């Protein structure tokens, strides 16, 4: 059987540190979990000290604090969400990539900047 779907490789596993800064993490994965449990795609993130202005693809803009213990940081690390925002249209490949991401305490990228 030469089925086109059987040729697709599984997503590569990625490892990030568990306690990485929230801004670096959301700048890398470009996903934001809302309080209702929906995943939004991030269009832009503008860091201003310990706060950042996030604009989603559904044109919602809000300010967030850079906290490793915040609700959003915990939900991203634990992959807690109920669904995807229909207006943002997060693609399936991005959800598969996010699902194959692992957060470990002593292993993985620190997401350090190149500066």
C-alpha atoms as a PDB file:
ATOM      1  CA  UNK A   1       0.000   0.000   0.000  1.00  0.00           C
ATOM      2  CA  UNK A   2       1.513   3.286  -1.048  1.00  0.00           C
ATOM      3  CA  UNK A   3      -0.598   5.555   1.125  1.00  0.00           C
ATOM      4  CA  UNK A   4       0.565   9.184   1.314  1.00  0.00           C
ATOM      5  CA  UNK A   5      -0.235   9.419   5.020  1.00  0.00           C
ATOM      6  CA  UNK A   6       2.070   6.514   5.894  1.00  0.00           C
ATOM      7  CA  UNK A   7       5.138   8.435   4.641  1.00  0.00           C
ATOM      8  CA  UNK A   8       4.744  11.230   7.185  1.00  0.00           C
ATOM      9  CA  UNK A   9       7.398  11.022   9.882  1.00  0.00           C
ATOM     10  CA  UNK A  10       6.432  11.510  13.522  1.00  0.00           C
ATOM     11  CA  UNK A  11       7.304  14.898  15.019  1.00  0.00           C
ATOM     12  CA  UNK A  12      10.815  15.179  16.409  1.00  0.00           C
ATOM     13  CA  UNK A  13      11.020  15.344  20.204  1.00  0.00           C
ATOM     14  CA  UNK A  14      12.168  18.698  21.580  1.00  0.00           C
ATOM     15  CA  UNK A  15      13.412  19.334  25.092  1.00  0.00           C
ATOM     16  CA  UNK A  16      13.311  22.650  26.938  1.00  0.00           C
ATOM     17  CA  UNK A  17      14.177  23.469  30.515  1.00  0.00           C
ATOM     18  CA  UNK A  18      11.220  23.478  32.842  1.00  0.00           C
ATOM     19  CA  UNK A  19      11.994  26.813  34.489  1.00  0.00           C
ATOM     20  CA  UNK A  20      12.790  28.885  31.392  1.00  0.00           C
ATOM     21  CA  UNK A  21      11.528  32.483  31.210  1.00  0.00           C
ATOM     22  CA  UNK A  22       7.939  32.787  30.004  1.00  0.00           C
ATOM     23  CA  UNK A  23       8.758  35.391  27.329  1.00  0.00           C
ATOM     24  CA  UNK A  24      11.457  33.201  25.770  1.00  0.00           C
ATOM     25  CA  UNK A  25       9.135  30.213  25.782  1.00  0.00           C
ATOM     26  CA  UNK A  26       6.158  31.918  24.134  1.00  0.00           C
ATOM     27  CA  UNK A  27       8.456  33.672  21.667  1.00  0.00           C
ATOM     28  CA  UNK A  28       9.742  30.242  20.644  1.00  0.00           C
ATOM     29  CA  UNK A  29       6.492  28.248  20.437  1.00  0.00           C
ATOM     30  CA  UNK A  30       4.160  31.146  19.437  1.00  0.00           C
ATOM     31  CA  UNK A  31       1.167  29.742  21.376  1.00  0.00           C
ATOM     32  CA  UNK A  32      -0.803  31.316  24.256  1.00  0.00           C
ATOM     33  CA  UNK A  33      -3.323  29.462  26.466  1.00  0.00           C
ATOM     34  CA  UNK A  34      -6.339  31.598  27.370  1.00  0.00           C
ATOM     35  CA  UNK A  35      -8.151  31.320  30.685  1.00  0.00           C
ATOM     36  CA  UNK A  36     -10.984  29.467  28.963  1.00  0.00           C
ATOM     37  CA  UNK A  37      -8.521  26.809  27.836  1.00  0.00           C
ATOM     38  CA  UNK A  38      -8.204  27.785  24.164  1.00  0.00           C
ATOM     39  CA  UNK A  39      -4.835  27.911  22.432  1.00  0.00           C
ATOM     40  CA  UNK A  40      -4.217  31.133  20.497  1.00  0.00           C
ATOM     41  CA  UNK A  41      -1.535  31.727  17.890  1.00  0.00           C
ATOM     42  CA  UNK A  42       0.775  34.645  18.695  1.00  0.00           C
ATOM     43  CA  UNK A  43       1.324  37.243  15.997  1.00  0.00           C
ATOM     44  CA  UNK A  44       3.692  39.566  17.905  1.00  0.00           C
ATOM     45  CA  UNK A  45       5.281  39.813  21.325  1.00  0.00           C
ATOM     46  CA  UNK A  46       6.832  43.090  22.478  1.00  0.00           C
ATOM     47  CA  UNK A  47       8.873  42.792  25.687  1.00  0.00           C
ATOM     48  CA  UNK A  48       8.953  45.908  27.891  1.00  0.00           C
ATOM     49  CA  UNK A  49      10.992  45.013  30.946  1.00  0.00           C
ATOM     50  CA  UNK A  50       9.109  42.502  33.101  1.00  0.00           C
ATOM     51  CA  UNK A  51       5.943  42.899  31.036  1.00  0.00           C
ATOM     52  CA  UNK A  52       5.114  42.164  27.427  1.00  0.00           C
ATOM     53  CA  UNK A  53       2.346  43.092  25.016  1.00  0.00           C
ATOM     54  CA  UNK A  54       1.059  40.055  23.150  1.00  0.00           C
ATOM     55  CA  UNK A  55      -1.045  40.269  19.995  1.00  0.00           C
ATOM     56  CA  UNK A  56      -2.775  37.090  18.842  1.00  0.00           C
ATOM     57  CA  UNK A  57      -3.866  36.187  15.319  1.00  0.00           C
ATOM     58  CA  UNK A  58      -7.474  36.921  16.312  1.00  0.00           C
ATOM     59  CA  UNK A  59      -6.320  40.551  17.022  1.00  0.00           C
ATOM     60  CA  UNK A  60      -6.599  40.380  20.821  1.00  0.00           C
ATOM     61  CA  UNK A  61      -3.948  42.424  22.606  1.00  0.00           C
ATOM     62  CA  UNK A  62      -3.071  42.081  26.290  1.00  0.00           C
ATOM     63  CA  UNK A  63      -0.243  42.623  28.768  1.00  0.00           C
ATOM     64  CA  UNK A  64       1.435  39.720  30.594  1.00  0.00           C
ATOM     65  CA  UNK A  65       4.028  39.501  33.349  1.00  0.00           C
ATOM     66  CA  UNK A  66       7.224  37.476  33.020  1.00  0.00           C
ATOM     67  CA  UNK A  67       6.546  34.812  35.633  1.00  0.00           C
ATOM     68  CA  UNK A  68       7.686  31.205  35.639  1.00  0.00           C
ATOM     69  CA  UNK A  69       4.924  30.274  38.095  1.00  0.00           C
ATOM     70  CA  UNK A  70       2.080  31.943  36.225  1.00  0.00           C
ATOM     71  CA  UNK A  71      -1.030  30.141  35.046  1.00  0.00           C
ATOM     72  CA  UNK A  72       0.039  30.432  31.412  1.00  0.00           C
ATOM     73  CA  UNK A  73       3.543  29.089  32.087  1.00  0.00           C
ATOM     74  CA  UNK A  74       2.191  26.097  33.990  1.00  0.00           C
ATOM     75  CA  UNK A  75      -0.458  25.383  31.359  1.00  0.00           C
ATOM     76  CA  UNK A  76       2.144  25.525  28.569  1.00  0.00           C
ATOM     77  CA  UNK A  77       4.529  23.198  30.399  1.00  0.00           C
ATOM     78  CA  UNK A  78       1.795  20.706  31.293  1.00  0.00           C
ATOM     79  CA  UNK A  79       0.010  21.043  27.915  1.00  0.00           C
ATOM     80  CA  UNK A  80      -3.379  21.792  29.479  1.00  0.00           C
ATOM     81  CA  UNK A  81      -5.892  23.103  26.953  1.00  0.00           C
ATOM     82  CA  UNK A  82      -9.451  22.379  25.873  1.00  0.00           C
ATOM     83  CA  UNK A  83      -9.247  23.350  22.219  1.00  0.00           C
ATOM     84  CA  UNK A  84      -7.921  25.743  19.625  1.00  0.00           C
ATOM     85  CA  UNK A  85      -9.239  29.233  18.896  1.00  0.00           C
ATOM     86  CA  UNK A  86     -11.226  29.053  15.645  1.00  0.00           C
ATOM     87  CA  UNK A  87     -10.328  32.644  14.743  1.00  0.00           C
ATOM     88  CA  UNK A  88      -6.567  32.121  15.180  1.00  0.00           C
ATOM     89  CA  UNK A  89      -6.475  28.947  13.117  1.00  0.00           C
ATOM     90  CA  UNK A  90      -3.470  27.263  14.731  1.00  0.00           C
ATOM     91  CA  UNK A  91      -2.296  24.691  12.137  1.00  0.00           C
ATOM     92  CA  UNK A  92      -2.232  20.975  12.896  1.00  0.00           C
ATOM     93  CA  UNK A  93       1.550  20.728  12.400  1.00  0.00           C
ATOM     94  CA  UNK A  94       2.100  23.304  15.152  1.00  0.00           C
ATOM     95  CA  UNK A  95      -0.092  21.314  17.550  1.00  0.00           C
ATOM     96  CA  UNK A  96       1.841  18.131  16.735  1.00  0.00           C
ATOM     97  CA  UNK A  97       5.127  19.959  17.281  1.00  0.00           C
ATOM     98  CA  UNK A  98       3.826  21.302  20.616  1.00  0.00           C
ATOM     99  CA  UNK A  99       2.647  17.825  21.637  1.00  0.00           C
ATOM    100  CA  UNK A 100       6.122  16.376  20.984  1.00  0.00           C
ATOM    101  CA  UNK A 101       7.806  19.025  23.162  1.00  0.00           C
ATOM    102  CA  UNK A 102       9.039  17.905  26.573  1.00  0.00           C
ATOM    103  CA  UNK A 103       9.950  20.064  29.564  1.00  0.00           C
ATOM    104  CA  UNK A 104      12.615  18.680  31.886  1.00  0.00           C
ATOM    105  CA  UNK A 105      14.258  20.163  34.935  1.00  0.00           C
ATOM    106  CA  UNK A 106      17.877  19.238  34.222  1.00  0.00           C
ATOM    107  CA  UNK A 107      17.810  18.587  30.479  1.00  0.00           C
ATOM    108  CA  UNK A 108      17.054  20.696  27.433  1.00  0.00           C
ATOM    109  CA  UNK A 109      17.565  24.092  25.898  1.00  0.00           C
ATOM    110  CA  UNK A 110      17.604  27.195  28.076  1.00  0.00           C
ATOM    111  CA  UNK A 111      16.382  29.228  25.063  1.00  0.00           C
ATOM    112  CA  UNK A 112      19.225  31.676  25.515  1.00  0.00           C
ATOM    113  CA  UNK A 113      19.381  34.578  23.091  1.00  0.00           C
ATOM    114  CA  UNK A 114      22.205  34.825  20.564  1.00  0.00           C
ATOM    115  CA  UNK A 115      23.243  38.262  21.884  1.00  0.00           C
END
